Amino acid sequence: MRIISRRPIETFKIKHPDCSESLENWYKTIHKGYFGNLMDLKGTFGNSVDVVVKGYVFDISGNKYRLAASFHFNAQTVYIREIMTHAEYSKESWKKRHQDFH
């Protein structure tokens, strides 16, 4: 799959270096994989991926961090919407920044 863009990952890793390996693993798995639907994502990521009305949220580093993304399965493209701490995710203010996401 094509991931748009890598910049959020690199930026987040600078602020939270403890998640570098987990984010890299997520990136490589998505980039090298073919995902046609939620079942394919669940097959690879299990319970660490959740559906949010118009997108998906992944647990990163044992659920310490969350990565929100939009998938366009037909085009095999992923848009990283935001990477945040679990506390930031729980506040749900990120949904206001991405109103088309929820």
PDB file of N, CA and C in Angstrom:
ATOM      1  N   MET A   1       0.833  -1.179   0.000  1.00  0.00           N
ATOM      2  CA  MET A   1       0.000   0.000   0.000  1.00  0.00           C
ATOM      3  C   MET A   1       0.880   1.246   0.000  1.00  0.00           C
ATOM      4  N   ARG A   2       0.341   2.283  -0.548  1.00  0.00           N
ATOM      5  CA  ARG A   2       1.017   3.574  -0.543  1.00  0.00           C
ATOM      6  C   ARG A   2       0.561   4.351   0.693  1.00  0.00           C
ATOM      7  N   ILE A   3       1.521   4.890   1.437  1.00  0.00           N
ATOM      8  CA  ILE A   3       1.209   5.614   2.673  1.00  0.00           C
ATOM      9  C   ILE A   3       1.478   7.098   2.467  1.00  0.00           C
ATOM     10  N   ILE A   4       0.484   7.915   2.735  1.00  0.00           N
ATOM     11  CA  ILE A   4       0.572   9.371   2.623  1.00  0.00           C
ATOM     12  C   ILE A   4       0.490   9.934   4.035  1.00  0.00           C
ATOM     13  N   SER A   5       1.410  10.497   4.553  1.00  0.00           N
ATOM     14  CA  SER A   5       2.818  10.556   4.217  1.00  0.00           C
ATOM     15  C   SER A   5       3.616  10.026   5.391  1.00  0.00           C
ATOM     16  N   ARG A   6       4.888   9.883   5.202  1.00  0.00           N
ATOM     17  CA  ARG A   6       5.761   9.377   6.266  1.00  0.00           C
ATOM     18  C   ARG A   6       6.088  10.467   7.298  1.00  0.00           C
ATOM     19  N   ARG A   7       5.916  11.715   6.932  1.00  0.00           N
ATOM     20  CA  ARG A   7       6.284  12.837   7.807  1.00  0.00           C
ATOM     21  C   ARG A   7       5.659  12.752   9.204  1.00  0.00           C
ATOM     22  N   PRO A   8       4.350  12.431   9.358  1.00  0.00           N
ATOM     23  CA  PRO A   8       3.803  12.355  10.722  1.00  0.00           C
ATOM     24  C   PRO A   8       4.523  11.318  11.595  1.00  0.00           C
ATOM     25  N   ILE A   9       4.953  10.243  10.986  1.00  0.00           N
ATOM     26  CA  ILE A   9       5.679   9.207  11.732  1.00  0.00           C
ATOM     27  C   ILE A   9       7.021   9.756  12.209  1.00  0.00           C
ATOM     28  N   GLU A  10       7.755  10.366  11.301  1.00  0.00           N
ATOM     29  CA  GLU A  10       9.077  10.894  11.653  1.00  0.00           C
ATOM     30  C   GLU A  10       8.967  11.990  12.712  1.00  0.00           C
ATOM     31  N   THR A  11       7.987  12.852  12.580  1.00  0.00           N
ATOM     32  CA  THR A  11       7.792  13.931  13.543  1.00  0.00           C
ATOM     33  C   THR A  11       7.433  13.382  14.923  1.00  0.00           C
ATOM     34  N   PHE A  12       6.542  12.394  14.950  1.00  0.00           N
ATOM     35  CA  PHE A  12       6.118  11.827  16.225  1.00  0.00           C
ATOM     36  C   PHE A  12       7.261  11.074  16.906  1.00  0.00           C
ATOM     37  N   LYS A  13       8.081  10.398  16.127  1.00  0.00           N
ATOM     38  CA  LYS A  13       9.218   9.657  16.691  1.00  0.00           C
ATOM     39  C   LYS A  13      10.211  10.573  17.386  1.00  0.00           C
ATOM     40  N   ILE A  14      10.336  11.802  16.915  1.00  0.00           N
ATOM     41  CA  ILE A  14      11.244  12.752  17.557  1.00  0.00           C
ATOM     42  C   ILE A  14      10.732  13.091  18.956  1.00  0.00           C
ATOM     43  N   LYS A  15       9.426  13.323  19.079  1.00  0.00           N
ATOM     44  CA  LYS A  15       8.839  13.667  20.374  1.00  0.00           C
ATOM     45  C   LYS A  15       8.713  12.462  21.303  1.00  0.00           C
ATOM     46  N   HIS A  16       8.529  11.279  20.723  1.00  0.00           N
ATOM     47  CA  HIS A  16       8.283  10.055  21.499  1.00  0.00           C
ATOM     48  C   HIS A  16       9.158   8.920  20.953  1.00  0.00           C
ATOM     49  N   PRO A  17      10.455   8.979  21.204  1.00  0.00           N
ATOM     50  CA  PRO A  17      11.363   7.975  20.634  1.00  0.00           C
ATOM     51  C   PRO A  17      11.086   6.545  21.093  1.00  0.00           C
ATOM     52  N   ASP A  18      10.368   6.377  22.186  1.00  0.00           N
ATOM     53  CA  ASP A  18      10.084   5.028  22.673  1.00  0.00           C
ATOM     54  C   ASP A  18       9.143   4.257  21.746  1.00  0.00           C
ATOM     55  N   CYS A  19       8.481   4.952  20.823  1.00  0.00           N
ATOM     56  CA  CYS A  19       7.562   4.252  19.918  1.00  0.00           C
ATOM     57  C   CYS A  19       8.164   4.049  18.529  1.00  0.00           C
ATOM     58  N   SER A  20       9.427   4.397  18.347  1.00  0.00           N
ATOM     59  CA  SER A  20      10.059   4.315  17.024  1.00  0.00           C
ATOM     60  C   SER A  20       9.937   2.933  16.393  1.00  0.00           C
ATOM     61  N   GLU A  21      10.257   1.909  17.146  1.00  0.00           N
ATOM     62  CA  GLU A  21      10.222   0.556  16.601  1.00  0.00           C
ATOM     63  C   GLU A  21       8.794   0.143  16.238  1.00  0.00           C
ATOM     64  N   SER A  22       7.849   0.452  17.097  1.00  0.00           N
ATOM     65  CA  SER A  22       6.454   0.100  16.821  1.00  0.00           C
ATOM     66  C   SER A  22       5.922   0.823  15.596  1.00  0.00           C
ATOM     67  N   LEU A  23       6.237   2.106  15.453  1.00  0.00           N
ATOM     68  CA  LEU A  23       5.791   2.849  14.273  1.00  0.00           C
ATOM     69  C   LEU A  23       6.445   2.323  13.006  1.00  0.00           C
ATOM     70  N   GLU A  24       7.716   1.985  13.091  1.00  0.00           N
ATOM     71  CA  GLU A  24       8.398   1.411  11.926  1.00  0.00           C
ATOM     72  C   GLU A  24       7.775   0.070  11.533  1.00  0.00           C
ATOM     73  N   ASN A  25       7.450  -0.756  12.518  1.00  0.00           N
ATOM     74  CA  ASN A  25       6.805  -2.037  12.227  1.00  0.00           C
ATOM     75  C   ASN A  25       5.444  -1.831  11.574  1.00  0.00           C
ATOM     76  N   TRP A  26       4.670  -0.867  12.078  1.00  0.00           N
ATOM     77  CA  TRP A  26       3.373  -0.560  11.478  1.00  0.00           C
ATOM     78  C   TRP A  26       3.561  -0.121  10.025  1.00  0.00           C
ATOM     79  N   TYR A  27       4.493   0.792   9.807  1.00  0.00           N
ATOM     80  CA  TYR A  27       4.755   1.317   8.466  1.00  0.00           C
ATOM     81  C   TYR A  27       5.132   0.191   7.501  1.00  0.00           C
ATOM     82  N   LYS A  28       6.075  -0.628   7.894  1.00  0.00           N
ATOM     83  CA  LYS A  28       6.536  -1.715   7.018  1.00  0.00           C
ATOM     84  C   LYS A  28       5.417  -2.703   6.725  1.00  0.00           C
ATOM     85  N   THR A  29       4.628  -3.028   7.737  1.00  0.00           N
ATOM     86  CA  THR A  29       3.531  -3.981   7.551  1.00  0.00           C
ATOM     87  C   THR A  29       2.496  -3.430   6.580  1.00  0.00           C
ATOM     88  N   ILE A  30       2.120  -2.175   6.748  1.00  0.00           N
ATOM     89  CA  ILE A  30       1.141  -1.564   5.847  1.00  0.00           C
ATOM     90  C   ILE A  30       1.729  -1.414   4.448  1.00  0.00           C
ATOM     91  N   HIS A  31       2.936  -0.892   4.364  1.00  0.00           N
ATOM     92  CA  HIS A  31       3.568  -0.624   3.069  1.00  0.00           C
ATOM     93  C   HIS A  31       3.730  -1.897   2.228  1.00  0.00           C
ATOM     94  N   LYS A  32       4.111  -2.988   2.855  1.00  0.00           N
ATOM     95  CA  LYS A  32       4.359  -4.228   2.125  1.00  0.00           C
ATOM     96  C   LYS A  32       3.099  -5.056   1.901  1.00  0.00           C
ATOM     97  N   GLY A  33       2.027  -4.722   2.613  1.00  0.00           N
ATOM     98  CA  GLY A  33       0.827  -5.545   2.563  1.00  0.00           C
ATOM     99  C   GLY A  33      -0.177  -5.134   1.506  1.00  0.00           C
ATOM    100  N   TYR A  34      -1.121  -6.015   1.289  1.00  0.00           N
ATOM    101  CA  TYR A  34      -2.299  -5.719   0.475  1.00  0.00           C
ATOM    102  C   TYR A  34      -3.494  -5.874   1.400  1.00  0.00           C
ATOM    103  N   PHE A  35      -4.241  -4.817   1.562  1.00  0.00           N
ATOM    104  CA  PHE A  35      -5.407  -4.836   2.430  1.00  0.00           C
ATOM    105  C   PHE A  35      -6.610  -4.379   1.618  1.00  0.00           C
ATOM    106  N   GLY A  36      -7.610  -5.246   1.533  1.00  0.00           N
ATOM    107  CA  GLY A  36      -8.785  -4.941   0.736  1.00  0.00           C
ATOM    108  C   GLY A  36      -9.976  -4.501   1.549  1.00  0.00           C
ATOM    109  N   ASN A  37      -9.885  -4.721   2.881  1.00  0.00           N
ATOM    110  CA  ASN A  37     -11.025  -4.385   3.733  1.00  0.00           C
ATOM    111  C   ASN A  37     -10.627  -4.531   5.202  1.00  0.00           C
ATOM    112  N   LEU A  38     -11.599  -4.285   6.078  1.00  0.00           N
ATOM    113  CA  LEU A  38     -11.351  -4.402   7.517  1.00  0.00           C
ATOM    114  C   LEU A  38     -10.917  -5.810   7.906  1.00  0.00           C
ATOM    115  N   MET A  39     -11.489  -6.810   7.296  1.00  0.00           N
ATOM    116  CA  MET A  39     -11.124  -8.197   7.639  1.00  0.00           C
ATOM    117  C   MET A  39      -9.633  -8.443   7.394  1.00  0.00           C
ATOM    118  N   ASP A  40      -9.101  -7.882   6.321  1.00  0.00           N
ATOM    119  CA  ASP A  40      -7.667  -8.022   6.050  1.00  0.00           C
ATOM    120  C   ASP A  40      -6.833  -7.320   7.123  1.00  0.00           C
ATOM    121  N   LEU A  41      -7.270  -6.127   7.517  1.00  0.00           N
ATOM    122  CA  LEU A  41      -6.555  -5.414   8.589  1.00  0.00           C
ATOM    123  C   LEU A  41      -6.616  -6.204   9.891  1.00  0.00           C
ATOM    124  N   LYS A  42      -7.796  -6.706  10.230  1.00  0.00           N
ATOM    125  CA  LYS A  42      -7.961  -7.505  11.458  1.00  0.00           C
ATOM    126  C   LYS A  42      -7.115  -8.769  11.404  1.00  0.00           C
ATOM    127  N   GLY A  43      -7.002  -9.362  10.214  1.00  0.00           N
ATOM    128  CA  GLY A  43      -6.190 -10.562  10.062  1.00  0.00           C
ATOM    129  C   GLY A  43      -4.723 -10.313  10.378  1.00  0.00           C
ATOM    130  N   THR A  44      -4.263  -9.120  10.116  1.00  0.00           N
ATOM    131  CA  THR A  44      -2.867  -8.768  10.370  1.00  0.00           C
ATOM    132  C   THR A  44      -2.676  -8.130  11.740  1.00  0.00           C
ATOM    133  N   PHE A  45      -3.560  -7.217  12.120  1.00  0.00           N
ATOM    134  CA  PHE A  45      -3.380  -6.435  13.340  1.00  0.00           C
ATOM    135  C   PHE A  45      -4.261  -6.892  14.503  1.00  0.00           C
ATOM    136  N   GLY A  46      -5.199  -7.798  14.261  1.00  0.00           N
ATOM    137  CA  GLY A  46      -6.054  -8.307  15.329  1.00  0.00           C
ATOM    138  C   GLY A  46      -6.823  -7.206  16.026  1.00  0.00           C
ATOM    139  N   ASN A  47      -6.852  -7.280  17.347  1.00  0.00           N
ATOM    140  CA  ASN A  47      -7.606  -6.306  18.149  1.00  0.00           C
ATOM    141  C   ASN A  47      -6.897  -4.962  18.297  1.00  0.00           C
ATOM    142  N   SER A  48      -5.748  -4.794  17.672  1.00  0.00           N
ATOM    143  CA  SER A  48      -5.052  -3.509  17.802  1.00  0.00           C
ATOM    144  C   SER A  48      -5.487  -2.522  16.724  1.00  0.00           C
ATOM    145  N   VAL A  49      -6.545  -2.841  15.985  1.00  0.00           N
ATOM    146  CA  VAL A  49      -7.135  -1.892  15.039  1.00  0.00           C
ATOM    147  C   VAL A  49      -8.626  -1.781  15.336  1.00  0.00           C
ATOM    148  N   ASP A  50      -9.094  -0.546  15.393  1.00  0.00           N
ATOM    149  CA  ASP A  50     -10.506  -0.270  15.660  1.00  0.00           C
ATOM    150  C   ASP A  50     -11.077   0.576  14.537  1.00  0.00           C
ATOM    151  N   VAL A  51     -12.350   0.396  14.287  1.00  0.00           N
ATOM    152  CA  VAL A  51     -13.037   1.197  13.281  1.00  0.00           C
ATOM    153  C   VAL A  51     -13.571   2.461  13.940  1.00  0.00           C
ATOM    154  N   VAL A  52     -13.306   3.599  13.303  1.00  0.00           N
ATOM    155  CA  VAL A  52     -13.898   4.880  13.684  1.00  0.00           C
ATOM    156  C   VAL A  52     -14.610   5.327  12.423  1.00  0.00           C
ATOM    157  N   VAL A  53     -15.870   5.573  12.500  1.00  0.00           N
ATOM    158  CA  VAL A  53     -16.804   5.728  11.387  1.00  0.00           C
ATOM    159  C   VAL A  53     -16.167   5.786   9.996  1.00  0.00           C
ATOM    160  N   LYS A  54     -15.309   6.741   9.717  1.00  0.00           N
ATOM    161  CA  LYS A  54     -14.722   6.857   8.374  1.00  0.00           C
ATOM    162  C   LYS A  54     -13.239   6.515   8.344  1.00  0.00           C
ATOM    163  N   GLY A  55     -12.764   5.796   9.321  1.00  0.00           N
ATOM    164  CA  GLY A  55     -11.348   5.468   9.346  1.00  0.00           C
ATOM    165  C   GLY A  55     -11.041   4.387  10.348  1.00  0.00           C
ATOM    166  N   TYR A  56      -9.767   4.248  10.625  1.00  0.00           N
ATOM    167  CA  TYR A  56      -9.271   3.191  11.496  1.00  0.00           C
ATOM    168  C   TYR A  56      -8.263   3.770  12.472  1.00  0.00           C
ATOM    169  N   VAL A  57      -8.247   3.233  13.662  1.00  0.00           N
ATOM    170  CA  VAL A  57      -7.305   3.668  14.682  1.00  0.00           C
ATOM    171  C   VAL A  57      -6.521   2.437  15.137  1.00  0.00           C
ATOM    172  N   PHE A  58      -5.200   2.568  15.143  1.00  0.00           N
ATOM    173  CA  PHE A  58      -4.299   1.476  15.495  1.00  0.00           C
ATOM    174  C   PHE A  58      -3.646   1.746  16.843  1.00  0.00           C
ATOM    175  N   ASP A  59      -3.546   0.702  17.642  1.00  0.00           N
ATOM    176  CA  ASP A  59      -2.786   0.765  18.887  1.00  0.00           C
ATOM    177  C   ASP A  59      -1.308   0.663  18.525  1.00  0.00           C
ATOM    178  N   ILE A  60      -0.517   1.557  19.066  1.00  0.00           N
ATOM    179  CA  ILE A  60       0.933   1.573  18.832  1.00  0.00           C
ATOM    180  C   ILE A  60       1.616   1.462  20.192  1.00  0.00           C
ATOM    181  N   SER A  61       2.654   0.658  20.261  1.00  0.00           N
ATOM    182  CA  SER A  61       3.429   0.468  21.500  1.00  0.00           C
ATOM    183  C   SER A  61       2.540   0.013  22.649  1.00  0.00           C
ATOM    184  N   GLY A  62       1.792  -1.049  22.412  1.00  0.00           N
ATOM    185  CA  GLY A  62       0.954  -1.608  23.476  1.00  0.00           C
ATOM    186  C   GLY A  62      -0.153  -0.675  23.912  1.00  0.00           C
ATOM    187  N   ASN A  63      -0.685   0.109  22.979  1.00  0.00           N
ATOM    188  CA  ASN A  63      -1.800   1.022  23.222  1.00  0.00           C
ATOM    189  C   ASN A  63      -1.388   2.288  23.969  1.00  0.00           C
ATOM    190  N   LYS A  64      -0.101   2.535  24.064  1.00  0.00           N
ATOM    191  CA  LYS A  64       0.369   3.783  24.673  1.00  0.00           C
ATOM    192  C   LYS A  64       0.118   4.958  23.726  1.00  0.00           C
ATOM    193  N   TYR A  65       0.143   4.670  22.426  1.00  0.00           N
ATOM    194  CA  TYR A  65      -0.079   5.664  21.391  1.00  0.00           C
ATOM    195  C   TYR A  65      -1.152   5.157  20.432  1.00  0.00           C
ATOM    196  N   ARG A  66      -1.744   6.086  19.674  1.00  0.00           N
ATOM    197  CA  ARG A  66      -2.777   5.739  18.701  1.00  0.00           C
ATOM    198  C   ARG A  66      -2.454   6.407  17.374  1.00  0.00           C
ATOM    199  N   LEU A  67      -2.676   5.683  16.289  1.00  0.00           N
ATOM    200  CA  LEU A  67      -2.472   6.202  14.955  1.00  0.00           C
ATOM    201  C   LEU A  67      -3.810   6.146  14.230  1.00  0.00           C
ATOM    202  N   ALA A  68      -4.310   7.302  13.805  1.00  0.00           N
ATOM    203  CA  ALA A  68      -5.577   7.381  13.073  1.00  0.00           C
ATOM    204  C   ALA A  68      -5.270   7.494  11.589  1.00  0.00           C
ATOM    205  N   ALA A  69      -5.951   6.690  10.779  1.00  0.00           N
ATOM    206  CA  ALA A  69      -5.688   6.671   9.343  1.00  0.00           C
ATOM    207  C   ALA A  69      -6.967   6.433   8.553  1.00  0.00           C
ATOM    208  N   SER A  70      -6.962   6.967   7.343  1.00  0.00           N
ATOM    209  CA  SER A  70      -8.039   6.699   6.386  1.00  0.00           C
ATOM    210  C   SER A  70      -7.484   5.771   5.320  1.00  0.00           C
ATOM    211  N   PHE A  71      -8.236   4.756   4.987  1.00  0.00           N
ATOM    212  CA  PHE A  71      -7.823   3.791   3.967  1.00  0.00           C
ATOM    213  C   PHE A  71      -8.702   3.930   2.740  1.00  0.00           C
ATOM    214  N   HIS A  72      -8.059   3.922   1.596  1.00  0.00           N
ATOM    215  CA  HIS A  72      -8.766   3.841   0.318  1.00  0.00           C
ATOM    216  C   HIS A  72      -8.335   2.512  -0.290  1.00  0.00           C
ATOM    217  N   PHE A  73      -9.084   1.475   0.065  1.00  0.00           N
ATOM    218  CA  PHE A  73      -8.692   0.119  -0.297  1.00  0.00           C
ATOM    219  C   PHE A  73      -8.605  -0.074  -1.807  1.00  0.00           C
ATOM    220  N   ASN A  74      -9.529   0.523  -2.554  1.00  0.00           N
ATOM    221  CA  ASN A  74      -9.515   0.339  -4.006  1.00  0.00           C
ATOM    222  C   ASN A  74      -8.267   0.916  -4.653  1.00  0.00           C
ATOM    223  N   ALA A  75      -7.730   1.985  -4.079  1.00  0.00           N
ATOM    224  CA  ALA A  75      -6.508   2.605  -4.600  1.00  0.00           C
ATOM    225  C   ALA A  75      -5.262   2.146  -3.846  1.00  0.00           C
ATOM    226  N   GLN A  76      -5.448   1.300  -2.835  1.00  0.00           N
ATOM    227  CA  GLN A  76      -4.340   0.820  -2.001  1.00  0.00           C
ATOM    228  C   GLN A  76      -3.520   1.990  -1.449  1.00  0.00           C
ATOM    229  N   THR A  77      -4.242   2.967  -0.895  1.00  0.00           N
ATOM    230  CA  THR A  77      -3.625   4.173  -0.343  1.00  0.00           C
ATOM    231  C   THR A  77      -4.107   4.395   1.086  1.00  0.00           C
ATOM    232  N   VAL A  78      -3.183   4.794   1.948  1.00  0.00           N
ATOM    233  CA  VAL A  78      -3.475   5.089   3.347  1.00  0.00           C
ATOM    234  C   VAL A  78      -3.058   6.521   3.629  1.00  0.00           C
ATOM    235  N   TYR A  79      -3.931   7.266   4.286  1.00  0.00           N
ATOM    236  CA  TYR A  79      -3.623   8.627   4.712  1.00  0.00           C
ATOM    237  C   TYR A  79      -3.510   8.635   6.230  1.00  0.00           C
ATOM    238  N   ILE A  80      -2.326   8.951   6.735  1.00  0.00           N
ATOM    239  CA  ILE A  80      -2.156   9.068   8.177  1.00  0.00           C
ATOM    240  C   ILE A  80      -2.783  10.390   8.593  1.00  0.00           C
ATOM    241  N   ARG A  81      -3.791  10.321   9.442  1.00  0.00           N
ATOM    242  CA  ARG A  81      -4.489  11.522   9.887  1.00  0.00           C
ATOM    243  C   ARG A  81      -3.805  12.148  11.092  1.00  0.00           C
ATOM    244  N   GLU A  82      -3.444  11.304  12.053  1.00  0.00           N
ATOM    245  CA  GLU A  82      -2.812  11.838  13.260  1.00  0.00           C
ATOM    246  C   GLU A  82      -2.235  10.687  14.069  1.00  0.00           C
ATOM    247  N   ILE A  83      -1.138  10.976  14.749  1.00  0.00           N
ATOM    248  CA  ILE A  83      -0.563  10.055  15.721  1.00  0.00           C
ATOM    249  C   ILE A  83      -0.572  10.802  17.041  1.00  0.00           C
ATOM    250  N   MET A  84      -1.037  10.137  18.094  1.00  0.00           N
ATOM    251  CA  MET A  84      -1.209  10.832  19.372  1.00  0.00           C
ATOM    252  C   MET A  84      -0.993   9.866  20.526  1.00  0.00           C
ATOM    253  N   THR A  85      -0.808  10.436  21.702  1.00  0.00           N
ATOM    254  CA  THR A  85      -0.756   9.596  22.896  1.00  0.00           C
ATOM    255  C   THR A  85      -2.162   9.063  23.149  1.00  0.00           C
ATOM    256  N   HIS A  86      -2.247   8.021  23.956  1.00  0.00           N
ATOM    257  CA  HIS A  86      -3.569   7.481  24.266  1.00  0.00           C
ATOM    258  C   HIS A  86      -4.400   8.514  25.031  1.00  0.00           C
ATOM    259  N   ALA A  87      -3.758   9.300  25.881  1.00  0.00           N
ATOM    260  CA  ALA A  87      -4.471  10.347  26.627  1.00  0.00           C
ATOM    261  C   ALA A  87      -5.041  11.395  25.672  1.00  0.00           C
ATOM    262  N   GLU A  88      -4.272  11.804  24.667  1.00  0.00           N
ATOM    263  CA  GLU A  88      -4.771  12.759  23.675  1.00  0.00           C
ATOM    264  C   GLU A  88      -5.939  12.171  22.890  1.00  0.00           C
ATOM    265  N   TYR A  89      -5.822  10.908  22.544  1.00  0.00           N
ATOM    266  CA  TYR A  89      -6.892  10.223  21.823  1.00  0.00           C
ATOM    267  C   TYR A  89      -8.176  10.194  22.651  1.00  0.00           C
ATOM    268  N   SER A  90      -8.049   9.917  23.925  1.00  0.00           N
ATOM    269  CA  SER A  90      -9.212   9.807  24.813  1.00  0.00           C
ATOM    270  C   SER A  90      -9.970  11.126  24.952  1.00  0.00           C
ATOM    271  N   LYS A  91      -9.284  12.237  24.818  1.00  0.00           N
ATOM    272  CA  LYS A  91      -9.941  13.545  24.907  1.00  0.00           C
ATOM    273  C   LYS A  91     -10.828  13.816  23.694  1.00  0.00           C
ATOM    274  N   GLU A  92     -10.598  13.120  22.615  1.00  0.00           N
ATOM    275  CA  GLU A  92     -11.356  13.207  21.371  1.00  0.00           C
ATOM    276  C   GLU A  92     -11.279  14.563  20.681  1.00  0.00           C
ATOM    277  N   SER A  93     -10.387  15.446  21.112  1.00  0.00           N
ATOM    278  CA  SER A  93     -10.241  16.735  20.427  1.00  0.00           C
ATOM    279  C   SER A  93      -9.672  16.550  19.021  1.00  0.00           C
ATOM    280  N   TRP A  94      -8.988  15.437  18.776  1.00  0.00           N
ATOM    281  CA  TRP A  94      -8.440  15.161  17.456  1.00  0.00           C
ATOM    282  C   TRP A  94      -9.557  15.032  16.417  1.00  0.00           C
ATOM    283  N   LYS A  95     -10.733  14.596  16.848  1.00  0.00           N
ATOM    284  CA  LYS A  95     -11.850  14.453  15.910  1.00  0.00           C
ATOM    285  C   LYS A  95     -12.306  15.798  15.364  1.00  0.00           C
ATOM    286  N   LYS A  96     -12.163  16.845  16.156  1.00  0.00           N
ATOM    287  CA  LYS A  96     -12.524  18.184  15.690  1.00  0.00           C
ATOM    288  C   LYS A  96     -11.578  18.644  14.585  1.00  0.00           C
ATOM    289  N   ARG A  97     -10.317  18.244  14.688  1.00  0.00           N
ATOM    290  CA  ARG A  97      -9.340  18.619  13.660  1.00  0.00           C
ATOM    291  C   ARG A  97      -9.555  17.839  12.368  1.00  0.00           C
ATOM    292  N   HIS A  98     -10.241  16.722  12.471  1.00  0.00           N
ATOM    293  CA  HIS A  98     -10.484  15.853  11.309  1.00  0.00           C
ATOM    294  C   HIS A  98     -11.978  15.551  11.230  1.00  0.00           C
ATOM    295  N   GLN A  99     -12.776  16.566  11.062  1.00  0.00           N
ATOM    296  CA  GLN A  99     -14.223  16.400  11.119  1.00  0.00           C
ATOM    297  C   GLN A  99     -14.760  15.424  10.079  1.00  0.00           C
ATOM    298  N   ASP A 100     -14.081  15.290   8.975  1.00  0.00           N
ATOM    299  CA  ASP A 100     -14.537  14.346   7.958  1.00  0.00           C
ATOM    300  C   ASP A 100     -14.182  12.903   8.310  1.00  0.00           C
ATOM    301  N   PHE A 101     -13.457  12.723   9.392  1.00  0.00           N
ATOM    302  CA  PHE A 101     -12.979  11.401   9.794  1.00  0.00           C
ATOM    303  C   PHE A 101     -13.995  10.631  10.620  1.00  0.00           C
ATOM    304  N   HIS A 102     -14.761  11.299  11.454  1.00  0.00           N
ATOM    305  CA  HIS A 102     -15.676  10.590  12.349  1.00  0.00           C
ATOM    306  C   HIS A 102     -17.095  10.712  11.884  1.00  0.00           C
TER     307      HIS A 102
END
